[in-house]
Each structure stands twice: as C-alpha cells, then as structure tokens.
Amino acid sequence: MEKLLAYLDEERGRRNELAAALGIFPSAISQWKKVPAERLGDISRFTGIPLEELRPDIFAKATPDSGELPADAPAAEQASGEAA
C-alpha cells in the first residue's frame, strides 16, 4: 500500500484518475488498508507498480535456495513443494 500511496501523492489528481479507471469513488481508495486482491491487476496496469510491490504479502518471493513457498501458496503446492 505504501508504493500506491506514494504514487498517488506524487501528482495531484492521480487518486481521482485511478478511482475513475476502477469505477469507484476516490474516498474508497482512502479506506483501504491493503490493495484489494480483486483490483491488483487493474491497479498494477494503471500505475505501473508491480504486483509484488502492491501486495508483497501475496506475492512474496521464495529464495531459490530455501525451497520455501509463500505461506499463502495453494495447499497442493505446499504439500508437494511443486507448482501445480
């Protein structure tokens, strides 16, 4: 959310433009504690901010050496350690 807020604050009117692109009121954006998962793609395309920077809690990268998957990876992946 920090990256998105920084982006919106860089230039006057960005919050209104993003809200219009999403079909919501600008005040709705102000109420978010996290970028809603269902809006990630649209917001990333509009702002140019990568998904993993908008929601690192969802798109955490596993280090190649650790063999760990993100905590929110599907259960089948966690069980097998492989992507489906």
PDB file of N, CA and C in Angstrom:
ATOM      1  N   MET A   1       0.832  -1.197   0.000  1.00  0.00           N
ATOM      2  CA  MET A   1       0.000   0.000   0.000  1.00  0.00           C
ATOM      3  C   MET A   1       0.872   1.254   0.000  1.00  0.00           C
ATOM      4  N   GLU A   2       2.069   1.148   0.596  1.00  0.00           N
ATOM      5  CA  GLU A   2       2.955   2.306   0.661  1.00  0.00           C
ATOM      6  C   GLU A   2       3.324   2.805  -0.729  1.00  0.00           C
ATOM      7  N   LYS A   3       3.634   1.877  -1.638  1.00  0.00           N
ATOM      8  CA  LYS A   3       4.004   2.257  -3.001  1.00  0.00           C
ATOM      9  C   LYS A   3       2.842   2.951  -3.698  1.00  0.00           C
ATOM     10  N   LEU A   4       1.646   2.428  -3.511  1.00  0.00           N
ATOM     11  CA  LEU A   4       0.478   3.023  -4.140  1.00  0.00           C
ATOM     12  C   LEU A   4       0.228   4.417  -3.586  1.00  0.00           C
ATOM     13  N   LEU A   5       0.309   4.580  -2.285  1.00  0.00           N
ATOM     14  CA  LEU A   5       0.088   5.900  -1.697  1.00  0.00           C
ATOM     15  C   LEU A   5       1.135   6.901  -2.167  1.00  0.00           C
ATOM     16  N   ALA A   6       2.379   6.461  -2.267  1.00  0.00           N
ATOM     17  CA  ALA A   6       3.434   7.342  -2.762  1.00  0.00           C
ATOM     18  C   ALA A   6       3.140   7.758  -4.206  1.00  0.00           C
ATOM     19  N   TYR A   7       2.718   6.799  -5.021  1.00  0.00           N
ATOM     20  CA  TYR A   7       2.356   7.090  -6.411  1.00  0.00           C
ATOM     21  C   TYR A   7       1.221   8.113  -6.478  1.00  0.00           C
ATOM     22  N   LEU A   8       0.194   7.911  -5.680  1.00  0.00           N
ATOM     23  CA  LEU A   8      -0.969   8.799  -5.709  1.00  0.00           C
ATOM     24  C   LEU A   8      -0.618  10.205  -5.237  1.00  0.00           C
ATOM     25  N   ASP A   9       0.319  10.298  -4.293  1.00  0.00           N
ATOM     26  CA  ASP A   9       0.680  11.601  -3.734  1.00  0.00           C
ATOM     27  C   ASP A   9       1.684  12.372  -4.595  1.00  0.00           C
ATOM     28  N   GLU A  10       2.318  11.699  -5.565  1.00  0.00           N
ATOM     29  CA  GLU A  10       3.317  12.354  -6.408  1.00  0.00           C
ATOM     30  C   GLU A  10       2.725  13.442  -7.292  1.00  0.00           C
ATOM     31  N   GLU A  11       1.499  13.267  -7.705  1.00  0.00           N
ATOM     32  CA  GLU A  11       0.905  14.197  -8.662  1.00  0.00           C
ATOM     33  C   GLU A  11      -0.571  14.399  -8.330  1.00  0.00           C
ATOM     34  N   ARG A  12      -0.961  15.654  -8.296  1.00  0.00           N
ATOM     35  CA  ARG A  12      -2.350  15.982  -7.982  1.00  0.00           C
ATOM     36  C   ARG A  12      -3.296  15.365  -9.019  1.00  0.00           C
ATOM     37  N   GLY A  13      -4.395  14.803  -8.546  1.00  0.00           N
ATOM     38  CA  GLY A  13      -5.409  14.249  -9.427  1.00  0.00           C
ATOM     39  C   GLY A  13      -5.276  12.760  -9.693  1.00  0.00           C
ATOM     40  N   ARG A  14      -4.149  12.167  -9.281  1.00  0.00           N
ATOM     41  CA  ARG A  14      -3.957  10.736  -9.562  1.00  0.00           C
ATOM     42  C   ARG A  14      -5.000   9.864  -8.865  1.00  0.00           C
ATOM     43  N   ARG A  15      -5.339  10.208  -7.641  1.00  0.00           N
ATOM     44  CA  ARG A  15      -6.334   9.411  -6.913  1.00  0.00           C
ATOM     45  C   ARG A  15      -7.671   9.432  -7.660  1.00  0.00           C
ATOM     46  N   ASN A  16      -8.051  10.604  -8.155  1.00  0.00           N
ATOM     47  CA  ASN A  16      -9.301  10.718  -8.915  1.00  0.00           C
ATOM     48  C   ASN A  16      -9.236   9.921 -10.207  1.00  0.00           C
ATOM     49  N   GLU A  17      -8.090   9.972 -10.894  1.00  0.00           N
ATOM     50  CA  GLU A  17      -7.934   9.235 -12.154  1.00  0.00           C
ATOM     51  C   GLU A  17      -7.995   7.723 -11.918  1.00  0.00           C
ATOM     52  N   LEU A  18      -7.316   7.264 -10.873  1.00  0.00           N
ATOM     53  CA  LEU A  18      -7.344   5.834 -10.561  1.00  0.00           C
ATOM     54  C   LEU A  18      -8.763   5.406 -10.188  1.00  0.00           C
ATOM     55  N   ALA A  19      -9.410   6.187  -9.357  1.00  0.00           N
ATOM     56  CA  ALA A  19     -10.783   5.867  -8.949  1.00  0.00           C
ATOM     57  C   ALA A  19     -11.704   5.790 -10.167  1.00  0.00           C
ATOM     58  N   ALA A  20     -11.560   6.722 -11.080  1.00  0.00           N
ATOM     59  CA  ALA A  20     -12.390   6.717 -12.293  1.00  0.00           C
ATOM     60  C   ALA A  20     -12.109   5.470 -13.128  1.00  0.00           C
ATOM     61  N   ALA A  21     -10.835   5.107 -13.240  1.00  0.00           N
ATOM     62  CA  ALA A  21     -10.469   3.909 -14.010  1.00  0.00           C
ATOM     63  C   ALA A  21     -11.040   2.647 -13.381  1.00  0.00           C
ATOM     64  N   LEU A  22     -11.153   2.633 -12.051  1.00  0.00           N
ATOM     65  CA  LEU A  22     -11.687   1.473 -11.340  1.00  0.00           C
ATOM     66  C   LEU A  22     -13.200   1.515 -11.189  1.00  0.00           C
ATOM     67  N   GLY A  23     -13.802   2.658 -11.489  1.00  0.00           N
ATOM     68  CA  GLY A  23     -15.250   2.796 -11.345  1.00  0.00           C
ATOM     69  C   GLY A  23     -15.694   2.905  -9.900  1.00  0.00           C
ATOM     70  N   ILE A  24     -14.844   3.541  -9.077  1.00  0.00           N
ATOM     71  CA  ILE A  24     -15.160   3.717  -7.657  1.00  0.00           C
ATOM     72  C   ILE A  24     -14.965   5.181  -7.281  1.00  0.00           C
ATOM     73  N   PHE A  25     -15.351   5.548  -6.078  1.00  0.00           N
ATOM     74  CA  PHE A  25     -15.136   6.895  -5.576  1.00  0.00           C
ATOM     75  C   PHE A  25     -13.718   7.001  -5.008  1.00  0.00           C
ATOM     76  N   PRO A  26     -13.082   8.159  -5.137  1.00  0.00           N
ATOM     77  CA  PRO A  26     -11.740   8.330  -4.578  1.00  0.00           C
ATOM     78  C   PRO A  26     -11.666   8.042  -3.081  1.00  0.00           C
ATOM     79  N   SER A  27     -12.736   8.306  -2.374  1.00  0.00           N
ATOM     80  CA  SER A  27     -12.741   8.052  -0.927  1.00  0.00           C
ATOM     81  C   SER A  27     -12.621   6.565  -0.613  1.00  0.00           C
ATOM     82  N   ALA A  28     -13.036   5.716  -1.540  1.00  0.00           N
ATOM     83  CA  ALA A  28     -12.914   4.270  -1.320  1.00  0.00           C
ATOM     84  C   ALA A  28     -11.441   3.868  -1.225  1.00  0.00           C
ATOM     85  N   ILE A  29     -10.612   4.485  -2.053  1.00  0.00           N
ATOM     86  CA  ILE A  29      -9.180   4.181  -2.021  1.00  0.00           C
ATOM     87  C   ILE A  29      -8.596   4.560  -0.666  1.00  0.00           C
ATOM     88  N   SER A  30      -9.041   5.671  -0.117  1.00  0.00           N
ATOM     89  CA  SER A  30      -8.544   6.131   1.182  1.00  0.00           C
ATOM     90  C   SER A  30      -8.887   5.173   2.311  1.00  0.00           C
ATOM     91  N   GLN A  31      -9.904   4.361   2.124  1.00  0.00           N
ATOM     92  CA  GLN A  31     -10.329   3.440   3.174  1.00  0.00           C
ATOM     93  C   GLN A  31      -9.558   2.116   3.166  1.00  0.00           C
ATOM     94  N   TRP A  32      -8.811   1.847   2.100  1.00  0.00           N
ATOM     95  CA  TRP A  32      -8.088   0.580   2.009  1.00  0.00           C
ATOM     96  C   TRP A  32      -6.924   0.532   2.984  1.00  0.00           C
ATOM     97  N   LYS A  33      -6.806  -0.575   3.685  1.00  0.00           N
ATOM     98  CA  LYS A  33      -5.619  -0.843   4.495  1.00  0.00           C
ATOM     99  C   LYS A  33      -4.609  -1.608   3.636  1.00  0.00           C
ATOM    100  N   LYS A  34      -5.130  -2.408   2.701  1.00  0.00           N
ATOM    101  CA  LYS A  34      -4.341  -3.143   1.713  1.00  0.00           C
ATOM    102  C   LYS A  34      -5.057  -3.004   0.381  1.00  0.00           C
ATOM    103  N   VAL A  35      -4.301  -3.100  -0.688  1.00  0.00           N
ATOM    104  CA  VAL A  35      -4.919  -3.073  -2.015  1.00  0.00           C
ATOM    105  C   VAL A  35      -5.770  -4.338  -2.143  1.00  0.00           C
ATOM    106  N   PRO A  36      -7.049  -4.211  -2.461  1.00  0.00           N
ATOM    107  CA  PRO A  36      -7.902  -5.391  -2.604  1.00  0.00           C
ATOM    108  C   PRO A  36      -7.371  -6.329  -3.692  1.00  0.00           C
ATOM    109  N   ALA A  37      -7.305  -7.606  -3.386  1.00  0.00           N
ATOM    110  CA  ALA A  37      -6.750  -8.599  -4.306  1.00  0.00           C
ATOM    111  C   ALA A  37      -7.458  -8.575  -5.657  1.00  0.00           C
ATOM    112  N   GLU A  38      -8.767  -8.362  -5.657  1.00  0.00           N
ATOM    113  CA  GLU A  38      -9.508  -8.381  -6.920  1.00  0.00           C
ATOM    114  C   GLU A  38      -9.204  -7.168  -7.796  1.00  0.00           C
ATOM    115  N   ARG A  39      -8.542  -6.161  -7.255  1.00  0.00           N
ATOM    116  CA  ARG A  39      -8.217  -4.957  -8.021  1.00  0.00           C
ATOM    117  C   ARG A  39      -6.731  -4.871  -8.385  1.00  0.00           C
ATOM    118  N   LEU A  40      -5.945  -5.839  -7.961  1.00  0.00           N
ATOM    119  CA  LEU A  40      -4.496  -5.776  -8.160  1.00  0.00           C
ATOM    120  C   LEU A  40      -4.088  -5.603  -9.617  1.00  0.00           C
ATOM    121  N   GLY A  41      -4.639  -6.416 -10.503  1.00  0.00           N
ATOM    122  CA  GLY A  41      -4.259  -6.348 -11.912  1.00  0.00           C
ATOM    123  C   GLY A  41      -4.549  -4.986 -12.515  1.00  0.00           C
ATOM    124  N   ASP A  42      -5.731  -4.468 -12.262  1.00  0.00           N
ATOM    125  CA  ASP A  42      -6.114  -3.168 -12.810  1.00  0.00           C
ATOM    126  C   ASP A  42      -5.224  -2.052 -12.262  1.00  0.00           C
ATOM    127  N   ILE A  43      -4.948  -2.105 -10.970  1.00  0.00           N
ATOM    128  CA  ILE A  43      -4.129  -1.062 -10.354  1.00  0.00           C
ATOM    129  C   ILE A  43      -2.692  -1.152 -10.855  1.00  0.00           C
ATOM    130  N   SER A  44      -2.173  -2.352 -10.984  1.00  0.00           N
ATOM    131  CA  SER A  44      -0.816  -2.525 -11.485  1.00  0.00           C
ATOM    132  C   SER A  44      -0.694  -1.995 -12.913  1.00  0.00           C
ATOM    133  N   ARG A  45      -1.654  -2.325 -13.757  1.00  0.00           N
ATOM    134  CA  ARG A  45      -1.626  -1.841 -15.144  1.00  0.00           C
ATOM    135  C   ARG A  45      -1.723  -0.313 -15.204  1.00  0.00           C
ATOM    136  N   PHE A  46      -2.575   0.258 -14.373  1.00  0.00           N
ATOM    137  CA  PHE A  46      -2.786   1.708 -14.382  1.00  0.00           C
ATOM    138  C   PHE A  46      -1.566   2.457 -13.859  1.00  0.00           C
ATOM    139  N   THR A  47      -0.978   1.969 -12.771  1.00  0.00           N
ATOM    140  CA  THR A  47       0.111   2.685 -12.105  1.00  0.00           C
ATOM    141  C   THR A  47       1.496   2.268 -12.576  1.00  0.00           C
ATOM    142  N   GLY A  48       1.610   1.045 -13.097  1.00  0.00           N
ATOM    143  CA  GLY A  48       2.926   0.520 -13.449  1.00  0.00           C
ATOM    144  C   GLY A  48       3.663  -0.071 -12.260  1.00  0.00           C
ATOM    145  N   ILE A  49       3.011  -0.132 -11.119  1.00  0.00           N
ATOM    146  CA  ILE A  49       3.623  -0.707  -9.919  1.00  0.00           C
ATOM    147  C   ILE A  49       3.458  -2.224  -9.990  1.00  0.00           C
ATOM    148  N   PRO A  50       4.549  -2.982  -9.876  1.00  0.00           N
ATOM    149  CA  PRO A  50       4.447  -4.445  -9.938  1.00  0.00           C
ATOM    150  C   PRO A  50       3.550  -5.021  -8.836  1.00  0.00           C
ATOM    151  N   LEU A  51       2.908  -6.133  -9.153  1.00  0.00           N
ATOM    152  CA  LEU A  51       2.007  -6.789  -8.196  1.00  0.00           C
ATOM    153  C   LEU A  51       2.692  -7.070  -6.865  1.00  0.00           C
ATOM    154  N   GLU A  52       3.942  -7.549  -6.920  1.00  0.00           N
ATOM    155  CA  GLU A  52       4.632  -7.911  -5.677  1.00  0.00           C
ATOM    156  C   GLU A  52       4.952  -6.694  -4.814  1.00  0.00           C
ATOM    157  N   GLU A  53       4.933  -5.495  -5.403  1.00  0.00           N
ATOM    158  CA  GLU A  53       5.117  -4.290  -4.600  1.00  0.00           C
ATOM    159  C   GLU A  53       3.796  -3.769  -4.056  1.00  0.00           C
ATOM    160  N   LEU A  54       2.712  -4.056  -4.756  1.00  0.00           N
ATOM    161  CA  LEU A  54       1.396  -3.652  -4.269  1.00  0.00           C
ATOM    162  C   LEU A  54       0.950  -4.534  -3.106  1.00  0.00           C
ATOM    163  N   ARG A  55       1.212  -5.832  -3.201  1.00  0.00           N
ATOM    164  CA  ARG A  55       0.810  -6.784  -2.152  1.00  0.00           C
ATOM    165  C   ARG A  55       1.916  -7.808  -1.921  1.00  0.00           C
ATOM    166  N   PRO A  56       3.003  -7.406  -1.261  1.00  0.00           N
ATOM    167  CA  PRO A  56       4.083  -8.355  -1.005  1.00  0.00           C
ATOM    168  C   PRO A  56       3.641  -9.544  -0.154  1.00  0.00           C
ATOM    169  N   ASP A  57       2.578  -9.375   0.620  1.00  0.00           N
ATOM    170  CA  ASP A  57       2.087 -10.478   1.444  1.00  0.00           C
ATOM    171  C   ASP A  57       1.520 -11.603   0.581  1.00  0.00           C
ATOM    172  N   ILE A  58       1.062 -11.300  -0.616  1.00  0.00           N
ATOM    173  CA  ILE A  58       0.529 -12.313  -1.522  1.00  0.00           C
ATOM    174  C   ILE A  58       1.617 -12.824  -2.457  1.00  0.00           C
ATOM    175  N   PHE A  59       2.461 -11.909  -2.926  1.00  0.00           N
ATOM    176  CA  PHE A  59       3.440 -12.252  -3.945  1.00  0.00           C
ATOM    177  C   PHE A  59       4.856 -12.336  -3.405  1.00  0.00           C
ATOM    178  N   ALA A  60       5.008 -12.764  -2.163  1.00  0.00           N
ATOM    179  CA  ALA A  60       6.344 -12.919  -1.583  1.00  0.00           C
ATOM    180  C   ALA A  60       7.115 -13.925  -2.417  1.00  0.00           C
ATOM    181  N   LYS A  61       8.361 -13.585  -2.692  1.00  0.00           N
ATOM    182  CA  LYS A  61       9.191 -14.476  -3.495  1.00  0.00           C
ATOM    183  C   LYS A  61       9.972 -15.401  -2.576  1.00  0.00           C
ATOM    184  N   ALA A  62       9.943 -16.686  -2.896  1.00  0.00           N
ATOM    185  CA  ALA A  62      10.758 -17.644  -2.163  1.00  0.00           C
ATOM    186  C   ALA A  62      12.172 -17.542  -2.702  1.00  0.00           C
ATOM    187  N   THR A  63      13.133 -17.642  -1.822  1.00  0.00           N
ATOM    188  CA  THR A  63      14.509 -17.625  -2.290  1.00  0.00           C
ATOM    189  C   THR A  63      14.809 -18.965  -2.936  1.00  0.00           C
ATOM    190  N   PRO A  64      15.600 -18.995  -4.007  1.00  0.00           N
ATOM    191  CA  PRO A  64      15.862 -20.244  -4.719  1.00  0.00           C
ATOM    192  C   PRO A  64      16.488 -21.327  -3.834  1.00  0.00           C
ATOM    193  N   ASP A  65      17.281 -20.921  -2.863  1.00  0.00           N
ATOM    194  CA  ASP A  65      17.961 -21.892  -2.004  1.00  0.00           C
ATOM    195  C   ASP A  65      17.075 -22.451  -0.903  1.00  0.00           C
ATOM    196  N   SER A  66      16.053 -21.702  -0.521  1.00  0.00           N
ATOM    197  CA  SER A  66      15.267 -22.096   0.645  1.00  0.00           C
ATOM    198  C   SER A  66      14.315 -23.244   0.358  1.00  0.00           C
ATOM    199  N   GLY A  67      13.844 -23.345  -0.879  1.00  0.00           N
ATOM    200  CA  GLY A  67      12.856 -24.362  -1.197  1.00  0.00           C
ATOM    201  C   GLY A  67      11.511 -24.055  -0.589  1.00  0.00           C
ATOM    202  N   GLU A  68      11.370 -22.865  -0.004  1.00  0.00           N
ATOM    203  CA  GLU A  68      10.119 -22.490   0.648  1.00  0.00           C
ATOM    204  C   GLU A  68       9.172 -21.845  -0.345  1.00  0.00           C
ATOM    205  N   LEU A  69       7.915 -22.082  -0.133  1.00  0.00           N
ATOM    206  CA  LEU A  69       6.869 -21.437  -0.911  1.00  0.00           C
ATOM    207  C   LEU A  69       6.238 -20.365  -0.048  1.00  0.00           C
ATOM    208  N   PRO A  70       5.635 -19.343  -0.663  1.00  0.00           N
ATOM    209  CA  PRO A  70       4.920 -18.348   0.141  1.00  0.00           C
ATOM    210  C   PRO A  70       3.871 -19.027   1.019  1.00  0.00           C
ATOM    211  N   ALA A  71       3.625 -18.458   2.175  1.00  0.00           N
ATOM    212  CA  ALA A  71       2.690 -19.043   3.135  1.00  0.00           C
ATOM    213  C   ALA A  71       1.294 -19.210   2.569  1.00  0.00           C
ATOM    214  N   ASP A  72       0.929 -18.377   1.610  1.00  0.00           N
ATOM    215  CA  ASP A  72      -0.418 -18.450   1.062  1.00  0.00           C
ATOM    216  C   ASP A  72      -0.476 -19.241  -0.243  1.00  0.00           C
ATOM    217  N   ALA A  73       0.569 -20.008  -0.538  1.00  0.00           N
ATOM    218  CA  ALA A  73       0.550 -20.854  -1.733  1.00  0.00           C
ATOM    219  C   ALA A  73      -0.541 -21.907  -1.561  1.00  0.00           C
ATOM    220  N   PRO A  74      -1.156 -22.344  -2.671  1.00  0.00           N
ATOM    221  CA  PRO A  74      -2.199 -23.372  -2.548  1.00  0.00           C
ATOM    222  C   PRO A  74      -1.695 -24.605  -1.803  1.00  0.00           C
ATOM    223  N   ALA A  75      -2.586 -25.228  -1.051  1.00  0.00           N
ATOM    224  CA  ALA A  75      -2.221 -26.360  -0.201  1.00  0.00           C
ATOM    225  C   ALA A  75      -1.554 -27.476  -0.993  1.00  0.00           C
ATOM    226  N   ALA A  76      -2.003 -27.728  -2.219  1.00  0.00           N
ATOM    227  CA  ALA A  76      -1.411 -28.799  -3.030  1.00  0.00           C
ATOM    228  C   ALA A  76       0.051 -28.504  -3.315  1.00  0.00           C
ATOM    229  N   GLU A  77       0.391 -27.225  -3.543  1.00  0.00           N
ATOM    230  CA  GLU A  77       1.768 -26.857  -3.789  1.00  0.00           C
ATOM    231  C   GLU A  77       2.604 -27.026  -2.531  1.00  0.00           C
ATOM    232  N   GLN A  78       2.044 -26.630  -1.387  1.00  0.00           N
ATOM    233  CA  GLN A  78       2.767 -26.736  -0.132  1.00  0.00           C
ATOM    234  C   GLN A  78       3.054 -28.190   0.199  1.00  0.00           C
ATOM    235  N   ALA A  79       2.095 -29.052  -0.070  1.00  0.00           N
ATOM    236  CA  ALA A  79       2.255 -30.471   0.255  1.00  0.00           C
ATOM    237  C   ALA A  79       3.323 -31.118  -0.608  1.00  0.00           C
ATOM    238  N   SER A  80       3.327 -30.783  -1.898  1.00  0.00           N
ATOM    239  CA  SER A  80       4.267 -31.427  -2.806  1.00  0.00           C
ATOM    240  C   SER A  80       5.547 -30.632  -2.975  1.00  0.00           C
ATOM    241  N   GLY A  81       5.504 -29.340  -2.663  1.00  0.00           N
ATOM    242  CA  GLY A  81       6.658 -28.493  -2.860  1.00  0.00           C
ATOM    243  C   GLY A  81       6.842 -28.089  -4.301  1.00  0.00           C
ATOM    244  N   GLU A  82       5.844 -28.352  -5.141  1.00  0.00           N
ATOM    245  CA  GLU A  82       5.925 -28.018  -6.559  1.00  0.00           C
ATOM    246  C   GLU A  82       4.740 -27.153  -6.950  1.00  0.00           C
ATOM    247  N   ALA A  83       4.962 -26.395  -8.014  1.00  0.00           N
ATOM    248  CA  ALA A  83       3.861 -25.608  -8.556  1.00  0.00           C
ATOM    249  C   ALA A  83       2.923 -26.527  -9.325  1.00  0.00           C
ATOM    250  N   ALA A  84       1.637 -26.230  -9.255  1.00  0.00           N
ATOM    251  CA  ALA A  84       0.645 -27.063  -9.933  1.00  0.00           C
ATOM    252  C   ALA A  84       0.598 -26.795 -11.400  1.00  0.00           C
TER     253      ALA A  84
END
